Amino acid sequence: MKKIFVPLFGIAMMVSPALAQDKKGGAGDSTKGKEVFEQCSACHNADSDEKKMGPGLKGLFKKAKMADGKAADEKNVRQKIDQGGNGMPAYEEMLEKKDKDNLIAYLKTL
């Protein structure tokens, strides 16, 4: 993994590019994404892969495939959020892009 140096009070410390990007808000903020997930938690577990109404999402991005058989990658997860399906409502018009970015950042921490 490539490291970048970020000076902090005159002391250089190593920070991963993903962390640096998260602080700038480029890839989404997982803390804010956890707040967005509250509306998802009625149907999805975050702390297990056990099915509620929808599949449990713990370890989602560590799996090869999602419950629908598609690759568990950001593109397909975003598409599922936008389009819904199989009982899940479409959130394309209900969530702003920033909220979806934050939600995906949170899902990556599970």
C-alpha atoms as a PDB file:
ATOM      1  CA  MET A   1       0.000   0.000   0.000  1.00  0.00           C
ATOM      2  CA  LYS A   2       1.332   3.405  -0.946  1.00  0.00           C
ATOM      3  CA  LYS A   3       1.789   5.750   2.016  1.00  0.00           C
ATOM      4  CA  ILE A   4       1.739   9.520   2.072  1.00  0.00           C
ATOM      5  CA  PHE A   5       3.262  11.772   4.693  1.00  0.00           C
ATOM      6  CA  VAL A   6       1.065  14.355   6.361  1.00  0.00           C
ATOM      7  CA  PRO A   7       2.781  16.923   8.598  1.00  0.00           C
ATOM      8  CA  LEU A   8       1.049  17.376  11.934  1.00  0.00           C
ATOM      9  CA  PHE A   9       2.394  19.962  14.362  1.00  0.00           C
ATOM     10  CA  GLY A  10       5.783  19.710  12.693  1.00  0.00           C
ATOM     11  CA  ILE A  11       5.900  15.918  13.024  1.00  0.00           C
ATOM     12  CA  ALA A  12       5.490  13.759   9.915  1.00  0.00           C
ATOM     13  CA  MET A  13       3.198  10.786  10.294  1.00  0.00           C
ATOM     14  CA  MET A  14       2.247   8.115   7.818  1.00  0.00           C
ATOM     15  CA  VAL A  15      -1.378   8.057   6.707  1.00  0.00           C
ATOM     16  CA  SER A  16      -2.909   5.753   4.163  1.00  0.00           C
ATOM     17  CA  PRO A  17      -4.357   7.534   1.109  1.00  0.00           C
ATOM     18  CA  ALA A  18      -7.816   6.133   1.921  1.00  0.00           C
ATOM     19  CA  LEU A  19      -7.756   7.726   5.359  1.00  0.00           C
ATOM     20  CA  ALA A  20      -6.555  11.026   3.971  1.00  0.00           C
ATOM     21  CA  GLN A  21      -9.323  10.941   1.361  1.00  0.00           C
ATOM     22  CA  ASP A  22     -11.955  10.111   3.998  1.00  0.00           C
ATOM     23  CA  LYS A  23     -10.984  13.163   6.058  1.00  0.00           C
ATOM     24  CA  LYS A  24     -11.312  15.386   2.972  1.00  0.00           C
ATOM     25  CA  GLY A  25     -14.705  13.842   2.184  1.00  0.00           C
ATOM     26  CA  GLY A  26     -13.684  12.525  -1.244  1.00  0.00           C
ATOM     27  CA  ALA A  27     -14.813   8.931  -0.853  1.00  0.00           C
ATOM     28  CA  GLY A  28     -17.469   9.317   1.807  1.00  0.00           C
ATOM     29  CA  ASP A  29     -17.511   9.585   5.569  1.00  0.00           C
ATOM     30  CA  SER A  30     -18.209   6.289   7.319  1.00  0.00           C
ATOM     31  CA  THR A  31     -19.378   8.044  10.509  1.00  0.00           C
ATOM     32  CA  LYS A  32     -22.047   9.920   8.568  1.00  0.00           C
ATOM     33  CA  GLY A  33     -22.771   6.732   6.642  1.00  0.00           C
ATOM     34  CA  LYS A  34     -23.607   4.959   9.896  1.00  0.00           C
ATOM     35  CA  GLU A  35     -26.295   7.613  10.447  1.00  0.00           C
ATOM     36  CA  VAL A  36     -27.655   7.023   6.929  1.00  0.00           C
ATOM     37  CA  PHE A  37     -27.679   3.271   7.634  1.00  0.00           C
ATOM     38  CA  GLU A  38     -30.197   3.776  10.463  1.00  0.00           C
ATOM     39  CA  GLN A  39     -32.993   3.772   7.882  1.00  0.00           C
ATOM     40  CA  CYS A  40     -31.561   0.582   6.342  1.00  0.00           C
ATOM     41  CA  SER A  41     -31.382  -1.171   9.724  1.00  0.00           C
ATOM     42  CA  ALA A  42     -35.121  -1.862   9.718  1.00  0.00           C
ATOM     43  CA  CYS A  43     -34.422  -4.515   7.063  1.00  0.00           C
ATOM     44  CA  HIS A  44     -30.659  -5.200   7.250  1.00  0.00           C
ATOM     45  CA  ASN A  45     -28.341  -6.304  10.060  1.00  0.00           C
ATOM     46  CA  ALA A  46     -24.998  -4.501  10.246  1.00  0.00           C
ATOM     47  CA  ASP A  47     -23.503  -6.685  12.960  1.00  0.00           C
ATOM     48  CA  SER A  48     -24.160 -10.083  11.367  1.00  0.00           C
ATOM     49  CA  ASP A  49     -24.735 -11.677   7.999  1.00  0.00           C
ATOM     50  CA  GLU A  50     -28.008 -13.116   9.301  1.00  0.00           C
ATOM     51  CA  LYS A  51     -31.033 -12.244   7.190  1.00  0.00           C
ATOM     52  CA  LYS A  52     -33.609  -9.844   8.617  1.00  0.00           C
ATOM     53  CA  MET A  53     -36.078  -8.812   5.896  1.00  0.00           C
ATOM     54  CA  GLY A  54     -33.069  -8.266   3.629  1.00  0.00           C
ATOM     55  CA  PRO A  55     -29.644  -9.880   3.827  1.00  0.00           C
ATOM     56  CA  GLY A  56     -27.283  -9.103   6.696  1.00  0.00           C
ATOM     57  CA  LEU A  57     -24.516  -6.782   5.528  1.00  0.00           C
ATOM     58  CA  LYS A  58     -21.639  -7.597   7.885  1.00  0.00           C
ATOM     59  CA  GLY A  59     -18.570  -8.284   5.752  1.00  0.00           C
ATOM     60  CA  LEU A  60     -20.395  -7.290   2.553  1.00  0.00           C
ATOM     61  CA  PHE A  61     -17.284  -5.968   0.793  1.00  0.00           C
ATOM     62  CA  LYS A  62     -15.226  -8.953   1.957  1.00  0.00           C
ATOM     63  CA  LYS A  63     -17.509 -11.398   0.140  1.00  0.00           C
ATOM     64  CA  ALA A  64     -17.116 -12.451  -3.477  1.00  0.00           C
ATOM     65  CA  LYS A  65     -20.825 -12.036  -4.237  1.00  0.00           C
ATOM     66  CA  MET A  66     -23.900 -10.285  -2.896  1.00  0.00           C
ATOM     67  CA  ALA A  67     -27.147 -12.137  -2.163  1.00  0.00           C
ATOM     68  CA  ASP A  68     -28.295 -11.505  -5.761  1.00  0.00           C
ATOM     69  CA  GLY A  69     -25.201 -13.242  -7.156  1.00  0.00           C
ATOM     70  CA  LYS A  70     -23.510 -10.068  -8.419  1.00  0.00           C
ATOM     71  CA  ALA A  71     -19.950  -9.209  -7.418  1.00  0.00           C
ATOM     72  CA  ALA A  72     -19.767  -7.451  -4.047  1.00  0.00           C
ATOM     73  CA  ASP A  73     -18.120  -4.296  -5.360  1.00  0.00           C
ATOM     74  CA  GLU A  74     -18.910  -0.611  -5.043  1.00  0.00           C
ATOM     75  CA  LYS A  75     -20.543  -0.371  -8.468  1.00  0.00           C
ATOM     76  CA  ASN A  76     -23.017  -3.180  -7.800  1.00  0.00           C
ATOM     77  CA  VAL A  77     -23.760  -2.085  -4.228  1.00  0.00           C
ATOM     78  CA  ARG A  78     -24.477   1.457  -5.447  1.00  0.00           C
ATOM     79  CA  GLN A  79     -26.699   0.055  -8.201  1.00  0.00           C
ATOM     80  CA  LYS A  80     -28.648  -2.009  -5.626  1.00  0.00           C
ATOM     81  CA  ILE A  81     -29.095   1.082  -3.437  1.00  0.00           C
ATOM     82  CA  ASP A  82     -30.274   3.119  -6.436  1.00  0.00           C
ATOM     83  CA  GLN A  83     -32.540   0.539  -8.068  1.00  0.00           C
ATOM     84  CA  GLY A  84     -33.616  -1.631  -5.148  1.00  0.00           C
ATOM     85  CA  GLY A  85     -35.369  -4.825  -6.134  1.00  0.00           C
ATOM     86  CA  ASN A  86     -36.627  -8.035  -4.580  1.00  0.00           C
ATOM     87  CA  GLY A  87     -38.631  -6.134  -1.945  1.00  0.00           C
ATOM     88  CA  MET A  88     -36.089  -3.349  -1.419  1.00  0.00           C
ATOM     89  CA  PRO A  89     -37.222   0.137  -2.450  1.00  0.00           C
ATOM     90  CA  ALA A  90     -35.146   2.195  -4.876  1.00  0.00           C
ATOM     91  CA  TYR A  91     -33.208   4.970  -3.138  1.00  0.00           C
ATOM     92  CA  GLU A  92     -31.937   6.735  -6.260  1.00  0.00           C
ATOM     93  CA  GLU A  93     -34.282   9.687  -5.703  1.00  0.00           C
ATOM     94  CA  MET A  94     -34.510   9.357  -1.898  1.00  0.00           C
ATOM     95  CA  LEU A  95     -30.812   9.701  -1.043  1.00  0.00           C
ATOM     96  CA  GLU A  96     -28.392  12.363  -2.216  1.00  0.00           C
ATOM     97  CA  LYS A  97     -25.140  11.220  -3.828  1.00  0.00           C
ATOM     98  CA  LYS A  98     -23.195  12.373  -0.765  1.00  0.00           C
ATOM     99  CA  ASP A  99     -25.413  10.232   1.493  1.00  0.00           C
ATOM    100  CA  LYS A 100     -24.843   7.211  -0.749  1.00  0.00           C
ATOM    101  CA  ASP A 101     -21.072   7.846  -0.721  1.00  0.00           C
ATOM    102  CA  ASN A 102     -21.178   8.004   3.076  1.00  0.00           C
ATOM    103  CA  LEU A 103     -23.332   4.868   3.289  1.00  0.00           C
ATOM    104  CA  ILE A 104     -20.940   2.908   1.076  1.00  0.00           C
ATOM    105  CA  ALA A 105     -17.983   4.117   3.175  1.00  0.00           C
ATOM    106  CA  TYR A 106     -19.788   2.767   6.256  1.00  0.00           C
ATOM    107  CA  LEU A 107     -20.664  -0.556   4.595  1.00  0.00           C
ATOM    108  CA  LYS A 108     -16.969  -1.019   3.824  1.00  0.00           C
ATOM    109  CA  THR A 109     -16.240  -0.908   7.576  1.00  0.00           C
ATOM    110  CA  LEU A 110     -18.586  -3.789   8.393  1.00  0.00           C
END
